């Protein structure tokens, strides 16, 4: 066997092994100290891309949970105030009933009217004072359907008893109602949706004593159509009666909660609260009086309608709060599962990393010992001189 001293091949080979073992040991130290298997793109290029996307999604979903919770808090503020408005209306009805009886004279009614008028003022004060983050909630909040919409003006004929909105864009929506084809189309010029009314109707009209919902889900509009003698309905719907009429949706401040990670209507939840001031179009209590027996009797019916409107609004707010609650639960599950997937890709298996680190340390120590031996072999040449 030849002995050479210019190039110590054994030492070079050992140095290469030492470098590789030290690099592996440093990588294990980095993973153990950070808890991550992927600390840079070189560790797992494709895994890094996927996990960064998941991290971004988890961050967005976390904000969606906070948005939904804050939205529920906002609605609870409004609903709590409406509870008091309802209490005021109930007291006002008691006063109107009291003033409607002939056992009171006009002087007595003046005393009743004094309290009655104070309560009217209190409804306005509550409506204007109910705010969330400096946004008034009961004086018109979120998108609203204009009462001047031709479809609503003709509700005494066409049977529209209610229009609900869910992330609907503002603008004018026109109906195309074909009695021949039994289809009902609604569109705003940019988006149009057609429903088959044959499955909703009893022949050519809504069945007596019932109501149906035409759900234009792609537009975010739900139209309730009443049949003859349906409770609370101003008219009844028959095929073709909505043709050419329109709904005007007016945009107002607030009312839209972002509960999903992307800019899409399916990731937004909308709520609208009508103007609930005393003289507003919803309660319609302006110029009401109990100073005479006739005006007091007229007030009874109007107060019944106002109490019903407040109860309907509270019901709508409760429904949206329930939706927000389910949205929070769904999003939290999605966060959990997405985080688990991201951890599978990115987190280090500490048991494996400790084993690898121990192996690397042993190899480094062994390589150092072999480097000493390779140098000893070369030094043995001196014994030949």
Protein backbone atom coordinates (compact mmCIF):
# COMPACT_ATOMS: atom_id res chain seq x y z
CA UNK A 1 0.00 0.00 0.00
CA UNK A 2 1.38 3.38 -1.04
CA UNK A 3 1.99 6.04 1.61
CA UNK A 4 1.52 9.69 0.52
CA UNK A 5 1.92 12.96 2.47
CA UNK A 6 1.09 15.69 -0.11
CA UNK A 7 -2.64 14.83 -0.08
CA UNK A 8 -4.16 13.19 2.97
CA UNK A 9 -7.20 11.64 1.31
CA UNK A 10 -8.46 10.07 4.53
CA UNK A 11 -8.37 13.45 6.29
CA UNK A 12 -10.18 15.15 3.38
CA UNK A 13 -12.88 12.47 3.43
CA UNK A 14 -13.25 12.82 7.18
CA UNK A 15 -13.49 16.63 6.96
CA UNK A 16 -16.29 16.29 4.39
CA UNK A 17 -18.17 13.96 6.71
CA UNK A 18 -17.62 16.32 9.66
CA UNK A 19 -19.07 19.24 7.64
CA UNK A 20 -22.13 17.22 6.63
CA UNK A 21 -22.70 15.98 10.20
CA UNK A 22 -22.27 19.47 11.70
CA UNK A 23 -24.77 20.91 9.16
CA UNK A 24 -27.27 18.17 10.01
CA UNK A 25 -26.73 18.78 13.74
CA UNK A 26 -27.26 22.54 13.30
CA UNK A 27 -30.48 21.89 11.36
CA UNK A 28 -31.79 19.68 14.19
CA UNK A 29 -30.86 22.38 16.75
CA UNK A 30 -32.78 24.96 14.68
CA UNK A 31 -35.84 22.73 14.45
CA UNK A 32 -35.75 21.88 18.17
CA UNK A 33 -35.36 25.53 19.18
CA UNK A 34 -38.12 26.83 16.85
CA UNK A 35 -40.45 23.82 17.02
CA UNK A 36 -40.79 24.00 13.23
CA UNK A 37 -39.80 21.46 10.63
CA UNK A 38 -39.92 24.13 7.89
CA UNK A 39 -37.96 27.25 8.87
CA UNK A 40 -37.01 28.36 5.34
CA UNK A 41 -38.11 27.50 1.84
CA UNK A 42 -35.11 25.18 1.35
CA UNK A 43 -36.46 22.89 4.08
CA UNK A 44 -39.63 22.12 2.07
CA UNK A 45 -40.39 24.49 -0.79
CA UNK A 46 -43.87 23.22 -1.66
CA UNK A 47 -44.77 22.70 1.99
CA UNK A 48 -43.80 26.30 2.78
CA UNK A 49 -46.10 27.64 0.03
CA UNK A 50 -49.05 25.56 1.22
CA UNK A 51 -48.53 26.32 4.93
CA UNK A 52 -48.17 30.08 4.36
CA UNK A 53 -51.52 30.05 2.56
CA UNK A 54 -53.06 28.18 5.48
CA UNK A 55 -51.55 30.63 7.97
CA UNK A 56 -53.08 33.52 6.04
CA UNK A 57 -56.46 31.76 6.01
CA UNK A 58 -56.35 31.11 9.75
CA UNK A 59 -55.56 34.79 10.42
CA UNK A 60 -58.49 35.90 8.23
CA UNK A 61 -60.86 33.40 9.82
CA UNK A 62 -59.86 34.63 13.27
CA UNK A 63 -60.82 38.16 12.26
CA UNK A 64 -64.11 36.84 10.86
CA UNK A 65 -64.94 35.35 14.27
CA UNK A 66 -64.27 38.73 15.90
CA UNK A 67 -66.37 40.49 13.25
CA UNK A 68 -69.29 38.13 13.84
CA UNK A 69 -69.05 38.51 17.61
CA UNK A 70 -69.00 42.30 17.33
CA UNK A 71 -71.97 42.12 14.95
CA UNK A 72 -73.91 40.06 17.49
CA UNK A 73 -73.03 42.62 20.18
CA UNK A 74 -74.29 45.43 17.93
CA UNK A 75 -77.59 43.66 17.32
CA UNK A 76 -77.97 42.95 21.03
CA UNK A 77 -77.64 46.68 21.75
CA UNK A 78 -80.44 47.39 19.26
CA UNK A 79 -82.62 44.55 20.53
CA UNK A 80 -82.22 45.66 24.14
CA UNK A 81 -83.41 49.15 23.28
CA UNK A 82 -86.35 47.75 21.33
CA UNK A 83 -87.41 45.87 24.46
CA UNK A 84 -87.82 49.22 26.18
CA UNK A 85 -89.57 50.72 23.15
CA UNK A 86 -92.02 47.82 23.33
CA UNK A 87 -92.60 48.50 27.04
CA UNK A 88 -93.30 52.15 26.23
CA UNK A 89 -95.77 51.18 23.50
CA UNK A 90 -97.57 48.80 25.85
CA UNK A 91 -97.93 51.60 28.40
CA UNK A 92 -99.16 53.95 25.67
CA UNK A 93 -101.80 51.40 24.69
CA UNK A 94 -102.95 51.22 28.30
CA UNK A 95 -103.31 54.99 28.29
CA UNK A 96 -105.19 55.00 24.99
CA UNK A 97 -107.59 52.37 26.34
CA UNK A 98 -108.03 54.39 29.49
CA UNK A 99 -108.80 57.53 27.46
CA UNK A 100 -111.23 55.62 25.24
CA UNK A 101 -113.80 55.05 27.93
CA UNK A 102 -116.62 57.46 28.71
CA UNK A 103 -115.92 57.30 32.44
CA UNK A 104 -113.22 59.93 31.85
CA UNK A 105 -114.00 63.51 30.99
CA UNK A 106 -111.87 65.78 28.80
CA UNK A 107 -110.02 67.21 31.81
CA UNK A 108 -109.07 63.68 32.85
CA UNK A 109 -107.90 62.97 29.33
CA UNK A 110 -105.60 65.99 29.48
CA UNK A 111 -103.71 64.31 32.32
CA UNK A 112 -103.55 61.05 30.36
CA UNK A 113 -102.39 62.91 27.25
CA UNK A 114 -99.57 64.56 29.21
CA UNK A 115 -98.01 61.18 29.99
CA UNK A 116 -98.86 59.87 26.52
CA UNK A 117 -96.99 62.72 24.82
CA UNK A 118 -93.99 62.27 27.11
CA UNK A 119 -93.83 58.62 26.11
CA UNK A 120 -93.91 59.56 22.42
CA UNK A 121 -90.92 61.80 23.05
CA UNK A 122 -89.17 59.00 24.93
CA UNK A 123 -89.49 56.65 21.94
CA UNK A 124 -87.69 59.22 19.80
CA UNK A 125 -85.01 59.72 22.46
CA UNK A 126 -84.37 55.97 22.75
CA UNK A 127 -84.17 55.63 18.95
CA UNK A 128 -81.64 58.44 18.63
CA UNK A 129 -79.61 57.46 21.72
CA UNK A 130 -79.20 53.79 20.76
CA UNK A 131 -75.73 53.74 19.20
CA UNK A 132 -72.85 51.34 18.68
CA UNK A 133 -69.43 52.83 17.98
CA UNK A 134 -71.13 56.19 17.31
CA UNK A 135 -73.54 54.65 14.77
CA UNK A 136 -77.25 55.24 15.36
CA UNK A 137 -79.05 51.89 15.14
CA UNK A 138 -82.77 52.69 15.38
CA UNK A 139 -82.99 55.71 13.10
CA UNK A 140 -82.36 53.69 9.92
CA UNK A 141 -79.40 51.29 9.80
CA UNK A 142 -78.30 49.25 6.81
CA UNK A 143 -79.92 48.93 3.40
CA UNK A 144 -83.65 49.53 3.25
CA UNK A 145 -86.38 48.98 0.68
CA UNK A 146 -87.87 52.38 -0.15
CA UNK A 147 -91.52 52.67 0.79
CA UNK A 148 -91.94 54.49 -2.51
CA UNK A 149 -91.08 51.36 -4.51
CA UNK A 150 -93.84 50.74 -7.03
CA UNK A 151 -94.10 47.08 -5.97
CA UNK A 152 -94.81 48.17 -2.38
CA UNK A 153 -97.13 51.01 -3.34
CA UNK A 154 -99.29 48.41 -5.11
CA UNK A 155 -99.05 45.89 -2.25
CA UNK A 156 -102.78 46.20 -1.67
CA UNK A 157 -103.19 44.44 -5.03
CA UNK A 158 -100.13 42.27 -5.54
CA UNK A 159 -99.99 40.81 -2.02
CA UNK A 160 -96.39 41.69 -1.12
CA UNK A 161 -96.43 41.52 2.66
CA UNK A 162 -92.69 41.67 3.33
CA UNK A 163 -89.33 42.14 1.62
CA UNK A 164 -86.18 40.81 3.29
CA UNK A 165 -82.62 41.71 2.34
CA UNK A 166 -79.44 39.67 2.71
CA UNK A 167 -76.31 41.37 1.30
CA UNK A 168 -78.35 42.89 -1.54
CA UNK A 169 -76.70 45.67 -3.51
CA UNK A 170 -78.43 49.04 -3.61
CA UNK A 171 -80.29 50.01 -6.78
CA UNK A 172 -83.55 49.44 -8.63
CA UNK A 173 -84.77 45.87 -9.13
CA UNK A 174 -87.54 45.28 -11.66
CA UNK A 175 -89.94 42.35 -11.83
CA UNK A 176 -90.81 40.45 -15.00
CA UNK A 177 -93.87 38.37 -14.09
CA UNK A 178 -95.04 35.96 -16.78
CA UNK A 179 -98.50 34.57 -16.17
CA UNK A 180 -98.16 32.30 -19.20
CA UNK A 181 -94.83 30.69 -18.31
CA UNK A 182 -95.41 30.79 -14.51
CA UNK A 183 -92.02 32.44 -13.93
CA UNK A 184 -91.04 35.41 -11.81
CA UNK A 185 -87.84 37.28 -12.71
CA UNK A 186 -86.11 40.00 -10.70
CA UNK A 187 -83.01 41.90 -11.78
CA UNK A 188 -81.13 45.17 -11.48
CA UNK A 189 -79.58 45.26 -14.96
CA UNK A 190 -76.38 43.56 -13.81
CA UNK A 191 -77.70 40.42 -12.13
CA UNK A 192 -80.99 38.65 -12.88
CA UNK A 193 -82.63 35.59 -11.36
CA UNK A 194 -85.74 33.71 -12.50
CA UNK A 195 -87.93 31.53 -10.27
CA UNK A 196 -90.52 28.96 -11.30
CA UNK A 197 -93.67 30.08 -9.46
CA UNK A 198 -95.61 26.98 -10.50
CA UNK A 199 -94.29 25.10 -7.47
CA UNK A 200 -95.24 27.96 -5.13
CA UNK A 201 -98.78 28.69 -6.26
CA UNK A 202 -102.14 26.98 -6.03
CA UNK A 203 -103.08 27.25 -9.67
CA UNK A 204 -102.47 30.88 -10.59
CA UNK A 205 -102.40 32.39 -7.09
CA UNK A 206 -101.11 31.85 -3.57
CA UNK A 207 -103.35 29.49 -1.65
CA UNK A 208 -106.03 31.05 0.55
CA UNK A 209 -104.86 31.90 4.05
CA UNK A 210 -101.19 31.19 3.32
CA UNK A 211 -98.10 32.99 2.12
CA UNK A 212 -95.02 31.94 0.15
CA UNK A 213 -91.48 33.28 -0.11
CA UNK A 214 -89.92 33.99 -3.48
CA UNK A 215 -86.25 33.67 -2.55
CA UNK A 216 -83.96 35.43 -5.02
CA UNK A 217 -80.86 34.14 -3.22
CA UNK A 218 -78.35 35.29 -5.85
CA UNK A 219 -79.67 38.84 -5.42
CA UNK A 220 -80.04 38.67 -1.64
CA UNK A 221 -83.77 39.52 -1.76
CA UNK A 222 -86.67 37.52 -0.31
CA UNK A 223 -90.21 38.59 -1.25
CA UNK A 224 -93.14 37.26 0.81
CA UNK A 225 -96.33 36.93 -1.24
CA UNK A 226 -99.68 36.49 0.51
CA UNK A 227 -102.80 34.66 -0.55
CA UNK A 228 -106.40 35.75 0.05
CA UNK A 229 -107.23 36.38 3.71
CA UNK A 230 -103.65 35.77 4.84
CA UNK A 231 -103.10 37.27 8.27
CA UNK A 232 -101.69 40.79 8.09
CA UNK A 233 -101.52 40.79 4.27
CA UNK A 234 -102.71 43.92 2.42
CA UNK A 235 -103.69 41.98 -0.70
CA UNK A 236 -103.23 38.67 -2.51
CA UNK A 237 -100.84 37.62 -5.27
CA UNK A 238 -101.82 36.19 -8.62
CA UNK A 239 -99.66 35.37 -11.64
CA UNK A 240 -98.62 38.45 -13.58
CA UNK A 241 -99.46 41.10 -10.97
CA UNK A 242 -95.83 42.07 -10.30
CA UNK A 243 -94.90 42.55 -13.97
CA UNK A 244 -93.17 45.91 -14.49
CA UNK A 245 -93.14 46.89 -10.81
CA UNK A 246 -89.86 47.51 -9.01
CA UNK A 247 -88.10 47.55 -5.66
CA UNK A 248 -85.79 50.44 -4.84
CA UNK A 249 -83.09 49.44 -2.35
CA UNK A 250 -81.48 52.43 -0.68
CA UNK A 251 -78.03 52.18 0.88
CA UNK A 252 -77.59 53.48 4.40
CA UNK A 253 -74.79 53.47 6.96
CA UNK A 254 -73.61 50.08 8.25
CA UNK A 255 -75.59 46.88 8.29
CA UNK A 256 -73.08 44.54 6.60
CA UNK A 257 -70.94 42.11 8.60
CA UNK A 258 -67.94 40.45 6.95
CA UNK A 259 -68.00 36.87 8.26
CA UNK A 260 -65.90 35.09 5.61
CA UNK A 261 -62.33 35.32 4.27
CA UNK A 262 -63.06 36.55 0.71
CA UNK A 263 -64.83 39.44 -1.01
CA UNK A 264 -67.97 37.54 -1.93
CA UNK A 265 -71.64 37.92 -1.06
CA UNK A 266 -71.61 34.48 0.55
CA UNK A 267 -69.06 35.78 3.08
CA UNK A 268 -71.15 38.80 4.10
CA UNK A 269 -74.21 38.93 6.30
CA UNK A 270 -76.54 41.90 6.07
CA UNK A 271 -79.11 43.31 8.44
CA UNK A 272 -81.35 46.34 8.03
CA UNK A 273 -83.11 48.15 10.87
CA UNK A 274 -85.87 50.49 9.81
CA UNK A 275 -86.38 54.00 11.15
CA UNK A 276 -88.10 53.29 14.47
CA UNK A 277 -88.60 56.84 15.63
CA UNK A 278 -92.15 57.61 16.71
CA UNK A 279 -93.03 59.62 13.61
CA UNK A 280 -91.08 57.33 11.26
CA UNK A 281 -92.78 55.29 8.53
CA UNK A 282 -92.52 52.05 10.55
CA UNK A 283 -94.21 53.08 13.81
CA UNK A 284 -96.26 55.90 12.25
CA UNK A 285 -97.19 57.45 15.59
CA UNK A 286 -96.80 61.09 14.57
CA UNK A 287 -99.69 63.48 15.33
CA UNK A 288 -101.34 60.83 17.49
CA UNK A 289 -103.31 62.02 20.48
CA UNK A 290 -105.55 60.76 23.30
CA UNK A 291 -107.00 64.15 24.18
CA UNK A 292 -110.42 63.10 22.90
CA UNK A 293 -112.33 59.84 23.02
CA UNK A 294 -112.29 59.48 19.20
CA UNK A 295 -108.55 60.11 18.86
CA UNK A 296 -107.85 57.72 21.73
CA UNK A 297 -109.81 54.98 20.01
CA UNK A 298 -107.93 55.64 16.76
CA UNK A 299 -104.64 55.37 18.69
CA UNK A 300 -105.45 51.81 19.83
CA UNK A 301 -105.22 50.37 16.31
CA UNK A 302 -102.12 52.36 15.43
CA UNK A 303 -100.38 51.26 18.62
CA UNK A 304 -101.25 47.62 17.91
CA UNK A 305 -99.58 47.99 14.51
CA UNK A 306 -96.54 49.69 16.09
CA UNK A 307 -96.19 46.94 18.70
CA UNK A 308 -96.35 44.35 15.91
CA UNK A 309 -93.69 46.23 13.91
CA UNK A 310 -91.34 46.36 16.89
CA UNK A 311 -91.90 42.66 17.61
CA UNK A 312 -91.19 41.83 13.94
CA UNK A 313 -87.98 43.85 14.02
CA UNK A 314 -86.86 42.13 17.21
CA UNK A 315 -87.60 38.76 15.62
CA UNK A 316 -85.51 39.69 12.58
CA UNK A 317 -82.62 40.78 14.78
CA UNK A 318 -82.82 37.55 16.76
CA UNK A 319 -82.73 35.52 13.55
CA UNK A 320 -79.59 37.34 12.41
CA UNK A 321 -77.99 36.86 15.83
CA UNK A 322 -78.61 33.13 15.52
CA UNK A 323 -77.00 33.16 12.07
CA UNK A 324 -73.98 34.94 13.51
CA UNK A 325 -73.77 32.38 16.30
CA UNK A 326 -73.74 29.51 13.80
CA UNK A 327 -71.23 31.41 11.67
CA UNK A 328 -68.90 31.75 14.66
CA UNK A 329 -69.19 28.03 15.44
CA UNK A 330 -68.57 27.02 11.83
CA UNK A 331 -65.58 29.36 11.53
CA UNK A 332 -64.00 28.16 14.77
CA UNK A 333 -64.19 24.55 13.54
CA UNK A 334 -62.61 25.64 10.26
CA UNK A 335 -59.81 27.42 12.14
CA UNK A 336 -59.14 24.29 14.20
CA UNK A 337 -58.97 21.99 11.19
CA UNK A 338 -56.93 24.38 9.05
CA UNK A 339 -54.46 24.90 11.91
CA UNK A 340 -54.12 21.12 12.29
CA UNK A 341 -53.35 20.80 8.59
CA UNK A 342 -50.79 23.62 8.76
CA UNK A 343 -49.18 21.97 11.80
CA UNK A 344 -48.86 18.66 9.94
CA UNK A 345 -46.86 20.40 7.23
CA UNK A 346 -44.80 22.86 9.25
CA UNK A 347 -44.41 21.72 12.86
CA UNK A 348 -41.47 19.59 13.90
CA UNK A 349 -41.88 16.08 15.34
CA UNK A 350 -39.80 16.68 18.45
CA UNK A 351 -39.30 12.99 19.22
CA UNK A 352 -37.91 12.43 15.73
CA UNK A 353 -35.81 15.59 15.83
CA UNK A 354 -34.24 14.66 19.20
CA UNK A 355 -33.34 11.23 17.82
CA UNK A 356 -31.80 12.79 14.72
CA UNK A 357 -29.94 15.35 16.81
CA UNK A 358 -28.45 12.61 19.03
CA UNK A 359 -27.39 10.66 15.93
CA UNK A 360 -25.79 13.77 14.39
CA UNK A 361 -23.90 14.56 17.61
CA UNK A 362 -22.54 11.02 17.78
CA UNK A 363 -21.43 11.19 14.15
CA UNK A 364 -19.72 14.56 14.71
CA UNK A 365 -17.79 13.17 17.69
CA UNK A 366 -16.87 10.00 15.77
CA UNK A 367 -15.76 12.00 12.73
CA UNK A 368 -13.54 14.18 14.90
CA UNK A 369 -11.93 11.07 16.33
CA UNK A 370 -11.35 9.67 12.83
CA UNK A 371 -9.78 12.96 11.70
CA UNK A 372 -7.22 12.50 14.47
CA UNK A 373 -6.53 8.95 13.26
CA UNK A 374 -6.08 10.07 9.63
CA UNK A 375 -3.50 12.60 10.75
CA UNK A 376 -1.73 9.96 12.86
CA UNK A 377 -1.43 7.68 9.84
CA UNK A 378 0.23 10.44 7.84
CA UNK A 379 2.58 11.26 10.72
CA UNK A 380 3.76 7.64 10.86
CA UNK A 381 5.91 8.42 7.77
CA UNK A 382 8.37 10.09 10.12
CA UNK A 383 9.18 6.64 11.55
CA UNK A 384 10.66 5.64 8.22
CA UNK A 385 13.25 8.45 8.27
